[in-house]
Amino acid sequence: MPAPGAAVFRLRQVSKVYRMGESEIHALREVDLDLFPGEFVVLLGASGSGKSTLLNILGGLDRPSSGEVRYRDHDLTAASAAGLTRFRREHVGFVFQFYNLIPSLTAYENTALVTEIAESPMEAGAALALVDMTDRRDHFPSQLSGGEQQRVAIARAVAKRPDVLLCDEPTGALDYATGKLVLSVLQRVNQELGTTTVVITHNAAIAALADRVIRISSGRIVDIQRNASKATPDDISW
């Protein structure tokens, strides 16, 4: 593990409160967390535990109500809206539970879309090859299975060579076999590109793939464990 000074993300006393009328919902409570270059992290917790809120704050999609979020030498809590947009564009790739592909574009065109806004992108065909989708590059989303669409979504996310890949329940809409295939792709991206990868899930079996497992409950980090050895998707079952 790199020294603490090399952290990609550093969160200190991060809280998030949503207000609905006179009610307050505490999604995160005083979270302290460091994430390091190249590690594969699983954020594990039940629905409503605060996982997605934490991921959205890491990705600059949301701001904390209090506390500090730093990405390397950038203070994301003090960044303007334009600054957060630039941070997302230059440094972060997102993979969501639902694939969000543009129906009228082919797999290649969906992937190539992000290369137009990236500084030093991967060629779209190379990104599709990384997720074993070369032979489906000219197919539209409606012609692809759920697992194939998710692999295209991953290719799109990694085509801009992000420093960080944030994945929100990436296997949640997939069957068992397809989910394991998608996890294999994420593990491959992490290993071959050295991308810091964060996967949030409620599926405890996926934790075996991680360098570190961070458990969240009621908006708090309740446990952090390091795996002595990492499993492959073929090793796990659920």
C-alpha atoms as a PDB file:
ATOM      1  CA  MET A   1       0.000   0.000   0.000  1.00  0.00           C
ATOM      2  CA  PRO A   2       1.389   3.445  -0.890  1.00  0.00           C
ATOM      3  CA  ALA A   3       2.214   5.834   1.918  1.00  0.00           C
ATOM      4  CA  PRO A   4      -0.751   7.897   3.209  1.00  0.00           C
ATOM      5  CA  GLY A   5       0.647  11.003   1.508  1.00  0.00           C
ATOM      6  CA  ALA A   6       0.084   9.319  -1.852  1.00  0.00           C
ATOM      7  CA  ALA A   7      -3.680   9.018  -1.371  1.00  0.00           C
ATOM      8  CA  VAL A   8      -5.805   9.711  -4.437  1.00  0.00           C
ATOM      9  CA  PHE A   9      -8.771  10.730  -2.278  1.00  0.00           C
ATOM     10  CA  ARG A  10      -8.745  12.012   1.274  1.00  0.00           C
ATOM     11  CA  LEU A  11     -12.087  12.515   3.041  1.00  0.00           C
ATOM     12  CA  ARG A  12     -12.251  14.046   6.500  1.00  0.00           C
ATOM     13  CA  GLN A  13     -15.374  14.307   8.666  1.00  0.00           C
ATOM     14  CA  VAL A  14     -17.630  14.174   5.613  1.00  0.00           C
ATOM     15  CA  SER A  15     -21.346  14.337   6.346  1.00  0.00           C
ATOM     16  CA  LYS A  16     -24.320  14.644   4.020  1.00  0.00           C
ATOM     17  CA  VAL A  17     -27.773  15.728   5.139  1.00  0.00           C
ATOM     18  CA  TYR A  18     -30.788  15.800   2.844  1.00  0.00           C
ATOM     19  CA  ARG A  19     -33.712  17.962   3.916  1.00  0.00           C
ATOM     20  CA  MET A  20     -37.249  16.988   2.991  1.00  0.00           C
ATOM     21  CA  GLY A  21     -39.615  19.589   4.384  1.00  0.00           C
ATOM     22  CA  GLU A  22     -38.947  19.680   8.101  1.00  0.00           C
ATOM     23  CA  SER A  23     -37.268  16.268   8.101  1.00  0.00           C
ATOM     24  CA  GLU A  24     -33.528  15.633   7.870  1.00  0.00           C
ATOM     25  CA  ILE A  25     -32.012  12.473   6.430  1.00  0.00           C
ATOM     26  CA  HIS A  26     -28.406  11.864   7.450  1.00  0.00           C
ATOM     27  CA  ALA A  27     -26.988   9.943   4.501  1.00  0.00           C
ATOM     28  CA  LEU A  28     -23.353  10.178   5.676  1.00  0.00           C
ATOM     29  CA  ARG A  29     -22.029  10.836   9.164  1.00  0.00           C
ATOM     30  CA  GLU A  30     -18.466  12.078   9.758  1.00  0.00           C
ATOM     31  CA  VAL A  31     -16.768   9.779   7.246  1.00  0.00           C
ATOM     32  CA  ASP A  32     -12.954   9.615   7.213  1.00  0.00           C
ATOM     33  CA  LEU A  33     -11.489   7.712   4.271  1.00  0.00           C
ATOM     34  CA  ASP A  34      -8.337   7.501   2.160  1.00  0.00           C
ATOM     35  CA  LEU A  35      -8.238   5.798  -1.253  1.00  0.00           C
ATOM     36  CA  PHE A  36      -4.930   4.956  -2.904  1.00  0.00           C
ATOM     37  CA  PRO A  37      -3.637   4.690  -6.487  1.00  0.00           C
ATOM     38  CA  GLY A  38      -4.417   1.461  -8.290  1.00  0.00           C
ATOM     39  CA  GLU A  39      -6.361  -0.239  -5.530  1.00  0.00           C
ATOM     40  CA  PHE A  40      -9.619  -2.135  -6.013  1.00  0.00           C
ATOM     41  CA  VAL A  41     -12.045  -1.189  -3.246  1.00  0.00           C
ATOM     42  CA  VAL A  42     -15.479  -2.623  -2.519  1.00  0.00           C
ATOM     43  CA  LEU A  43     -17.932  -0.463  -0.569  1.00  0.00           C
ATOM     44  CA  LEU A  44     -20.312  -2.921   1.036  1.00  0.00           C
ATOM     45  CA  GLY A  45     -23.599  -2.125   2.703  1.00  0.00           C
ATOM     46  CA  ALA A  46     -27.351  -2.558   2.642  1.00  0.00           C
ATOM     47  CA  SER A  47     -29.644  -0.376   0.565  1.00  0.00           C
ATOM     48  CA  GLY A  48     -29.901   3.048   2.176  1.00  0.00           C
ATOM     49  CA  SER A  49     -26.596   2.728   4.027  1.00  0.00           C
ATOM     50  CA  GLY A  50     -25.012   5.702   2.247  1.00  0.00           C
ATOM     51  CA  LYS A  51     -22.938   3.905  -0.396  1.00  0.00           C
ATOM     52  CA  SER A  52     -24.287   5.786  -3.408  1.00  0.00           C
ATOM     53  CA  THR A  53     -24.082   9.130  -1.619  1.00  0.00           C
ATOM     54  CA  LEU A  54     -20.425   8.476  -0.853  1.00  0.00           C
ATOM     55  CA  LEU A  55     -19.744   7.452  -4.452  1.00  0.00           C
ATOM     56  CA  ASN A  56     -21.474  10.567  -5.783  1.00  0.00           C
ATOM     57  CA  ILE A  57     -19.345  12.777  -3.531  1.00  0.00           C
ATOM     58  CA  LEU A  58     -16.151  11.005  -4.635  1.00  0.00           C
ATOM     59  CA  GLY A  59     -17.168  11.555  -8.252  1.00  0.00           C
ATOM     60  CA  GLY A  60     -18.030  15.223  -7.871  1.00  0.00           C
ATOM     61  CA  LEU A  61     -21.699  14.609  -8.617  1.00  0.00           C
ATOM     62  CA  ASP A  62     -22.698  15.839  -5.157  1.00  0.00           C
ATOM     63  CA  ARG A  63     -21.191  17.946  -2.388  1.00  0.00           C
ATOM     64  CA  PRO A  64     -20.983  17.115   1.311  1.00  0.00           C
ATOM     65  CA  SER A  65     -22.960  19.164   3.812  1.00  0.00           C
ATOM     66  CA  SER A  66     -19.806  19.408   5.930  1.00  0.00           C
ATOM     67  CA  GLY A  67     -16.259  18.094   5.974  1.00  0.00           C
ATOM     68  CA  GLU A  68     -13.481  18.093   3.389  1.00  0.00           C
ATOM     69  CA  VAL A  69     -12.975  16.088   0.200  1.00  0.00           C
ATOM     70  CA  ARG A  70      -9.613  16.277  -1.545  1.00  0.00           C
ATOM     71  CA  TYR A  71      -8.546  14.664  -4.801  1.00  0.00           C
ATOM     72  CA  ARG A  72      -4.753  14.726  -4.811  1.00  0.00           C
ATOM     73  CA  ASP A  73      -4.013  18.444  -4.374  1.00  0.00           C
ATOM     74  CA  HIS A  74      -7.526  19.611  -5.334  1.00  0.00           C
ATOM     75  CA  ASP A  75     -10.081  20.655  -2.708  1.00  0.00           C
ATOM     76  CA  LEU A  76     -13.350  19.393  -4.191  1.00  0.00           C
ATOM     77  CA  THR A  77     -15.440  20.940  -1.418  1.00  0.00           C
ATOM     78  CA  ALA A  78     -14.263  24.403  -2.492  1.00  0.00           C
ATOM     79  CA  ALA A  79     -14.518  23.768  -6.243  1.00  0.00           C
ATOM     80  CA  SER A  80     -17.003  25.650  -8.388  1.00  0.00           C
ATOM     81  CA  ALA A  81     -19.607  23.816 -10.468  1.00  0.00           C
ATOM     82  CA  ALA A  82     -17.363  24.287 -13.504  1.00  0.00           C
ATOM     83  CA  GLY A  83     -14.414  22.963 -11.516  1.00  0.00           C
ATOM     84  CA  LEU A  84     -16.316  19.817 -10.564  1.00  0.00           C
ATOM     85  CA  THR A  85     -17.353  19.303 -14.185  1.00  0.00           C
ATOM     86  CA  ARG A  86     -13.709  19.579 -15.229  1.00  0.00           C
ATOM     87  CA  PHE A  87     -12.698  17.130 -12.465  1.00  0.00           C
ATOM     88  CA  ARG A  88     -15.255  14.574 -13.670  1.00  0.00           C
ATOM     89  CA  ARG A  89     -14.278  15.013 -17.294  1.00  0.00           C
ATOM     90  CA  GLU A  90     -10.533  14.727 -16.721  1.00  0.00           C
ATOM     91  CA  HIS A  91     -10.242  12.176 -13.916  1.00  0.00           C
ATOM     92  CA  VAL A  92     -13.351  10.030 -13.339  1.00  0.00           C
ATOM     93  CA  GLY A  93     -15.131   7.245 -15.196  1.00  0.00           C
ATOM     94  CA  PHE A  94     -18.587   6.125 -14.053  1.00  0.00           C
ATOM     95  CA  VAL A  95     -20.329   2.762 -14.430  1.00  0.00           C
ATOM     96  CA  PHE A  96     -23.911   2.529 -13.206  1.00  0.00           C
ATOM     97  CA  GLN A  97     -26.364  -0.314 -12.610  1.00  0.00           C
ATOM     98  CA  PHE A  98     -28.286   0.681 -15.756  1.00  0.00           C
ATOM     99  CA  TYR A  99     -26.121   1.180 -18.761  1.00  0.00           C
ATOM    100  CA  ASN A 100     -27.257   4.604 -20.029  1.00  0.00           C
ATOM    101  CA  LEU A 101     -26.161   3.905 -23.588  1.00  0.00           C
ATOM    102  CA  ILE A 102     -27.532   6.105 -26.367  1.00  0.00           C
ATOM    103  CA  PRO A 103     -29.969   3.856 -28.301  1.00  0.00           C
ATOM    104  CA  SER A 104     -29.302   5.416 -31.711  1.00  0.00           C
ATOM    105  CA  LEU A 105     -25.512   4.895 -31.512  1.00  0.00           C
ATOM    106  CA  THR A 106     -23.562   1.684 -32.038  1.00  0.00           C
ATOM    107  CA  ALA A 107     -21.301   0.212 -29.359  1.00  0.00           C
ATOM    108  CA  TYR A 108     -18.324   1.859 -31.082  1.00  0.00           C
ATOM    109  CA  GLU A 109     -20.066   5.223 -31.348  1.00  0.00           C
ATOM    110  CA  ASN A 110     -21.193   5.121 -27.700  1.00  0.00           C
ATOM    111  CA  THR A 111     -17.606   4.463 -26.674  1.00  0.00           C
ATOM    112  CA  ALA A 112     -16.110   7.054 -29.020  1.00  0.00           C
ATOM    113  CA  LEU A 113     -18.419   9.745 -27.652  1.00  0.00           C
ATOM    114  CA  VAL A 114     -16.299  10.352 -24.544  1.00  0.00           C
ATOM    115  CA  THR A 115     -13.039  10.455 -26.483  1.00  0.00           C
ATOM    116  CA  GLU A 116     -14.130  13.761 -27.975  1.00  0.00           C
ATOM    117  CA  ILE A 117     -13.911  15.487 -24.575  1.00  0.00           C
ATOM    118  CA  ALA A 118     -10.867  13.687 -23.127  1.00  0.00           C
ATOM    119  CA  GLU A 119      -7.327  15.049 -23.251  1.00  0.00           C
ATOM    120  CA  SER A 120      -5.499  11.807 -24.105  1.00  0.00           C
ATOM    121  CA  PRO A 121      -8.161   9.175 -24.770  1.00  0.00           C
ATOM    122  CA  MET A 122      -7.810   5.550 -25.664  1.00  0.00           C
ATOM    123  CA  GLU A 123      -8.988   4.733 -29.182  1.00  0.00           C
ATOM    124  CA  ALA A 124     -12.588   3.505 -28.961  1.00  0.00           C
ATOM    125  CA  GLY A 125     -11.766   0.216 -30.669  1.00  0.00           C
ATOM    126  CA  ALA A 126      -8.996  -0.452 -28.148  1.00  0.00           C
ATOM    127  CA  ALA A 127     -11.393   0.207 -25.267  1.00  0.00           C
ATOM    128  CA  LEU A 128     -13.903  -2.247 -26.732  1.00  0.00           C
ATOM    129  CA  ALA A 129     -11.134  -4.811 -27.193  1.00  0.00           C
ATOM    130  CA  LEU A 130     -10.250  -4.444 -23.505  1.00  0.00           C
ATOM    131  CA  VAL A 131     -13.783  -5.618 -22.601  1.00  0.00           C
ATOM    132  CA  ASP A 132     -13.905  -8.283 -25.362  1.00  0.00           C
ATOM    133  CA  MET A 133     -16.535  -6.499 -27.424  1.00  0.00           C
ATOM    134  CA  THR A 134     -14.685  -6.035 -30.725  1.00  0.00           C
ATOM    135  CA  ASP A 135     -17.007  -8.386 -32.613  1.00  0.00           C
ATOM    136  CA  ARG A 136     -20.076  -6.427 -31.414  1.00  0.00           C
ATOM    137  CA  ARG A 137     -18.761  -2.931 -32.083  1.00  0.00           C
ATOM    138  CA  ASP A 138     -21.266  -2.165 -34.865  1.00  0.00           C
ATOM    139  CA  HIS A 139     -24.326  -3.364 -32.942  1.00  0.00           C
ATOM    140  CA  PHE A 140     -26.866  -1.023 -31.367  1.00  0.00           C
ATOM    141  CA  PRO A 141     -27.803  -1.349 -27.667  1.00  0.00           C
ATOM    142  CA  SER A 142     -31.107  -3.045 -28.579  1.00  0.00           C
ATOM    143  CA  GLN A 143     -29.091  -5.786 -30.285  1.00  0.00           C
ATOM    144  CA  LEU A 144     -26.935  -6.437 -27.216  1.00  0.00           C
ATOM    145  CA  SER A 145     -27.618  -8.448 -24.066  1.00  0.00           C
ATOM    146  CA  GLY A 146     -27.550  -6.769 -20.671  1.00  0.00           C
ATOM    147  CA  GLY A 147     -24.028  -7.987 -19.987  1.00  0.00           C
ATOM    148  CA  GLU A 148     -22.832  -6.787 -23.377  1.00  0.00           C
ATOM    149  CA  GLN A 149     -24.368  -3.362 -22.788  1.00  0.00           C
ATOM    150  CA  GLN A 150     -22.621  -3.154 -19.416  1.00  0.00           C
ATOM    151  CA  ARG A 151     -19.303  -4.057 -21.020  1.00  0.00           C
ATOM    152  CA  VAL A 152     -19.810  -1.267 -23.555  1.00  0.00           C
ATOM    153  CA  ALA A 153     -20.593   1.079 -20.660  1.00  0.00           C
ATOM    154  CA  ILE A 154     -17.292   0.068 -19.050  1.00  0.00           C
ATOM    155  CA  ALA A 155     -15.453   0.604 -22.333  1.00  0.00           C
ATOM    156  CA  ARG A 156     -17.003   4.056 -22.576  1.00  0.00           C
ATOM    157  CA  ALA A 157     -15.914   4.841 -19.018  1.00  0.00           C
ATOM    158  CA  VAL A 158     -12.309   3.736 -19.500  1.00  0.00           C
ATOM    159  CA  ALA A 159     -11.828   5.166 -23.010  1.00  0.00           C
ATOM    160  CA  LYS A 160     -10.838   8.537 -21.577  1.00  0.00           C
ATOM    161  CA  ARG A 161      -8.177   6.828 -19.398  1.00  0.00           C
ATOM    162  CA  PRO A 162      -9.648   7.934 -16.060  1.00  0.00           C
ATOM    163  CA  ASP A 163      -7.548   7.908 -12.917  1.00  0.00           C
ATOM    164  CA  VAL A 164     -10.590   6.661 -10.984  1.00  0.00           C
ATOM    165  CA  LEU A 165     -13.397   4.283 -11.983  1.00  0.00           C
ATOM    166  CA  LEU A 166     -16.534   4.503  -9.823  1.00  0.00           C
ATOM    167  CA  CYS A 167     -19.050   1.675 -10.199  1.00  0.00           C
ATOM    168  CA  ASP A 168     -22.522   1.770  -8.634  1.00  0.00           C
ATOM    169  CA  GLU A 169     -23.986  -1.757  -8.406  1.00  0.00           C
ATOM    170  CA  PRO A 170     -22.534  -2.701 -11.821  1.00  0.00           C
ATOM    171  CA  THR A 171     -23.881  -6.268 -11.598  1.00  0.00           C
ATOM    172  CA  GLY A 172     -27.211  -5.386  -9.973  1.00  0.00           C
ATOM    173  CA  ALA A 173     -29.275  -5.788 -13.146  1.00  0.00           C
ATOM    174  CA  LEU A 174     -27.457  -8.889 -14.396  1.00  0.00           C
ATOM    175  CA  ASP A 175     -27.828 -12.631 -13.907  1.00  0.00           C
ATOM    176  CA  TYR A 176     -25.194 -14.636 -12.045  1.00  0.00           C
ATOM    177  CA  ALA A 177     -23.040 -15.720 -14.998  1.00  0.00           C
ATOM    178  CA  THR A 178     -23.164 -12.342 -16.716  1.00  0.00           C
ATOM    179  CA  GLY A 179     -22.421 -10.536 -13.454  1.00  0.00           C
ATOM    180  CA  LYS A 180     -19.251 -12.582 -12.991  1.00  0.00           C
ATOM    181  CA  LEU A 181     -18.184 -11.754 -16.543  1.00  0.00           C
ATOM    182  CA  VAL A 182     -18.606  -8.028 -15.876  1.00  0.00           C
ATOM    183  CA  LEU A 183     -16.611  -8.344 -12.641  1.00  0.00           C
ATOM    184  CA  SER A 184     -13.824 -10.024 -14.633  1.00  0.00           C
ATOM    185  CA  VAL A 185     -13.777  -7.021 -16.962  1.00  0.00           C
ATOM    186  CA  LEU A 186     -13.566  -4.573 -14.037  1.00  0.00           C
ATOM    187  CA  GLN A 187     -10.752  -6.571 -12.468  1.00  0.00           C
ATOM    188  CA  ARG A 188      -8.902  -6.626 -15.785  1.00  0.00           C
ATOM    189  CA  VAL A 189      -9.250  -2.849 -16.215  1.00  0.00           C
ATOM    190  CA  ASN A 190      -7.936  -2.316 -12.699  1.00  0.00           C
ATOM    191  CA  GLN A 191      -4.940  -4.573 -13.229  1.00  0.00           C
ATOM    192  CA  GLU A 192      -3.991  -3.550 -16.766  1.00  0.00           C
ATOM    193  CA  LEU A 193      -4.625   0.197 -16.571  1.00  0.00           C
ATOM    194  CA  GLY A 194      -3.844   0.722 -12.878  1.00  0.00           C
ATOM    195  CA  THR A 195      -7.106   2.611 -12.441  1.00  0.00           C
ATOM    196  CA  THR A 196      -8.222   3.134  -8.849  1.00  0.00           C
ATOM    197  CA  THR A 197     -11.509   1.217  -8.874  1.00  0.00           C
ATOM    198  CA  VAL A 198     -14.363   1.582  -6.387  1.00  0.00           C
ATOM    199  CA  VAL A 199     -17.325  -0.794  -6.628  1.00  0.00           C
ATOM    200  CA  ILE A 200     -20.367  -0.355  -4.423  1.00  0.00           C
ATOM    201  CA  THR A 201     -22.586  -3.357  -3.819  1.00  0.00           C
ATOM    202  CA  HIS A 202     -24.847  -5.048  -1.309  1.00  0.00           C
ATOM    203  CA  ASN A 203     -23.492  -8.435  -2.484  1.00  0.00           C
ATOM    204  CA  ALA A 204     -21.014  -9.616   0.154  1.00  0.00           C
ATOM    205  CA  ALA A 205     -19.475 -12.243  -2.170  1.00  0.00           C
ATOM    206  CA  ILE A 206     -17.987  -9.520  -4.375  1.00  0.00           C
ATOM    207  CA  ALA A 207     -15.883  -8.321  -1.418  1.00  0.00           C
ATOM    208  CA  ALA A 208     -13.451 -11.190  -2.017  1.00  0.00           C
ATOM    209  CA  LEU A 209     -12.223  -9.467  -5.209  1.00  0.00           C
ATOM    210  CA  ALA A 210     -11.047  -6.338  -3.409  1.00  0.00           C
ATOM    211  CA  ASP A 211      -7.778  -5.126  -1.977  1.00  0.00           C
ATOM    212  CA  ARG A 212      -9.838  -3.485   0.771  1.00  0.00           C
ATOM    213  CA  VAL A 213     -13.452  -3.927   1.846  1.00  0.00           C
ATOM    214  CA  ILE A 214     -15.152  -0.926   3.430  1.00  0.00           C
ATOM    215  CA  ARG A 215     -18.434  -1.641   5.201  1.00  0.00           C
ATOM    216  CA  ILE A 216     -20.970   1.153   5.577  1.00  0.00           C
ATOM    217  CA  SER A 217     -24.021   1.184   7.832  1.00  0.00           C
ATOM    218  CA  SER A 218     -26.357   4.075   8.581  1.00  0.00           C
ATOM    219  CA  GLY A 219     -24.041   6.544   6.920  1.00  0.00           C
ATOM    220  CA  ARG A 220     -20.927   5.522   8.851  1.00  0.00           C
ATOM    221  CA  ILE A 221     -17.891   3.430   7.996  1.00  0.00           C
ATOM    222  CA  VAL A 222     -18.118   0.602  10.496  1.00  0.00           C
ATOM    223  CA  ASP A 223     -15.303  -1.657   9.310  1.00  0.00           C
ATOM    224  CA  ILE A 224     -12.329  -1.680   6.922  1.00  0.00           C
ATOM    225  CA  GLN A 225     -10.618  -4.958   6.096  1.00  0.00           C
ATOM    226  CA  ARG A 226      -7.781  -5.891   3.785  1.00  0.00           C
ATOM    227  CA  ASN A 227      -7.916  -9.174   1.895  1.00  0.00           C
ATOM    228  CA  ALA A 228      -4.739 -11.172   2.398  1.00  0.00           C
ATOM    229  CA  SER A 229      -5.244 -12.523  -1.119  1.00  0.00           C
ATOM    230  CA  LYS A 230      -7.685 -11.455  -3.805  1.00  0.00           C
ATOM    231  CA  ALA A 231     -10.118 -13.871  -5.396  1.00  0.00           C
ATOM    232  CA  THR A 232     -11.030 -13.941  -9.059  1.00  0.00           C
ATOM    233  CA  PRO A 233     -14.670 -13.854 -10.206  1.00  0.00           C
ATOM    234  CA  ASP A 234     -14.399 -17.582 -10.993  1.00  0.00           C
ATOM    235  CA  ASP A 235     -13.666 -18.209  -7.300  1.00  0.00           C
ATOM    236  CA  ILE A 236     -16.801 -16.602  -5.912  1.00  0.00           C
ATOM    237  CA  SER A 237     -20.461 -17.543  -5.875  1.00  0.00           C
ATOM    238  CA  TRP A 238     -23.695 -16.046  -4.598  1.00  0.00           C
END
